[in-house]
Protein backbone atom coordinates (compact mmCIF):
# COMPACT_ATOMS: atom_id res chain seq x y z
CA VAL A 1 -2.05 -6.67 5.80
CA VAL A 2 -3.49 -7.24 9.38
CA VAL A 3 -2.02 -6.73 12.81
CA VAL A 4 -3.09 -8.62 15.99
CA GLY A 5 -2.44 -7.50 19.20
CA ASP A 6 -0.07 -9.67 21.18
CA ASP A 7 -2.04 -9.63 24.44
CA THR A 8 -5.51 -9.04 23.41
CA ARG A 9 -5.10 -11.18 19.90
CA LYS A 10 -7.73 -8.67 18.49
CA VAL A 11 -7.01 -7.14 14.89
CA ILE A 12 -5.95 -3.36 16.04
CA GLY A 13 -5.23 -2.48 12.21
CA PHE A 14 -5.16 -3.31 9.04
CA CYS A 15 -4.83 -1.98 5.42
CA ASP A 16 -6.26 -3.22 1.98
CA LEU A 17 -3.59 -3.39 -1.03
CA ASP A 18 -4.38 -4.98 -4.30
CA GLY A 19 -3.28 -4.36 -7.74
CA ARG A 20 -5.46 -2.19 -9.96
CA ILE A 21 -5.21 -1.51 -13.87
CA PRO A 22 -5.08 2.49 -14.29
CA ALA A 23 -8.30 4.34 -15.95
CA PRO A 24 -8.20 3.90 -19.88
CA GLY A 25 -5.90 6.43 -21.38
CA PHE A 26 -3.55 6.34 -18.78
CA SER A 27 0.05 5.53 -19.32
CA LEU A 28 3.01 4.85 -16.75
CA SER A 29 5.00 6.32 -19.15
CA PRO A 30 4.88 9.25 -21.52
CA PHE A 31 7.41 7.18 -23.92
CA VAL A 32 5.79 3.95 -24.02
CA PRO A 33 2.12 5.11 -24.16
CA ASN A 34 0.56 1.90 -24.71
CA VAL A 35 2.05 0.03 -21.50
CA VAL A 36 -0.44 -0.38 -18.87
CA ARG A 37 0.59 -2.71 -15.92
CA PRO A 38 -1.44 -3.33 -12.49
CA ARG A 39 -0.13 -0.52 -10.04
CA PRO A 40 -0.60 -1.19 -6.06
CA TYR A 41 -3.45 0.31 -5.02
CA LEU A 42 -3.86 1.00 -1.36
CA SER A 43 -7.90 1.56 -0.58
CA ASP A 44 -8.05 1.21 2.99
CA LEU A 45 -5.92 1.75 6.20
CA ALA A 46 -7.24 1.85 9.78
CA VAL A 47 -6.11 1.67 13.24
CA HIS A 48 -8.21 0.92 16.01
CA THR A 49 -8.52 4.29 18.57
CA ASP A 50 -6.78 2.48 21.69
CA TYR A 51 -3.88 1.82 19.81
CA ARG A 52 -3.04 4.80 17.41
CA ARG A 53 0.17 7.08 17.45
CA ARG A 54 2.28 3.80 18.72
CA GLY A 55 3.49 2.97 15.15
CA VAL A 56 1.08 0.85 13.96
CA GLY A 57 -0.33 3.08 10.76
CA SER A 58 3.57 3.41 9.78
CA ALA A 59 4.20 -0.47 10.39
CA LEU A 60 1.08 -1.17 8.17
CA MET A 61 2.39 1.55 5.47
CA ALA A 62 5.78 -0.20 5.24
CA GLU A 63 4.53 -3.95 4.65
CA ALA A 64 2.39 -2.20 2.34
CA GLU A 65 5.16 -0.71 0.28
CA ARG A 66 7.38 -3.80 0.75
CA LEU A 67 4.44 -6.31 -0.59
CA SER A 68 3.85 -3.83 -3.29
CA GLY A 69 7.53 -4.08 -4.25
CA LYS A 70 7.92 -0.33 -3.77
CA ASN A 71 11.41 -0.74 -2.35
CA GLU A 72 12.95 -3.08 -4.61
CA ASP A 73 15.10 -0.93 -6.27
CA GLY A 74 16.78 0.20 -3.09
CA GLY A 75 14.35 2.99 -2.38
CA LYS A 76 14.11 4.87 -5.53
CA GLY A 77 10.78 4.50 -6.39
CA LYS A 78 10.85 2.59 -9.37
CA ARG A 79 7.26 1.31 -9.00
CA ARG A 80 4.35 3.83 -8.17
CA GLN A 81 1.54 3.31 -5.53
CA GLN A 82 -1.71 4.75 -6.00
CA LEU A 83 -3.39 5.76 -2.69
CA GLY A 84 -7.23 6.16 -2.87
CA PHE A 85 -9.01 8.54 -0.24
């Protein structure tokens, strides 16, 4: 996901979202231990220093959540996201 400034047409923020398979032996459910599905993984989020504290990072996170399907159940958090720091 990339945010481009309207006035400068330069990239002012981005985040990297992909789908990753959890580590071997990891299960999303204690009741179904052999079910392993890719989960959304946000590995990078950056905002240009001149554009920080203006909601750009929040907008990037909201779009990443939308793309990952986190809010597809009305915000109840059915799908989990994994953040890498």
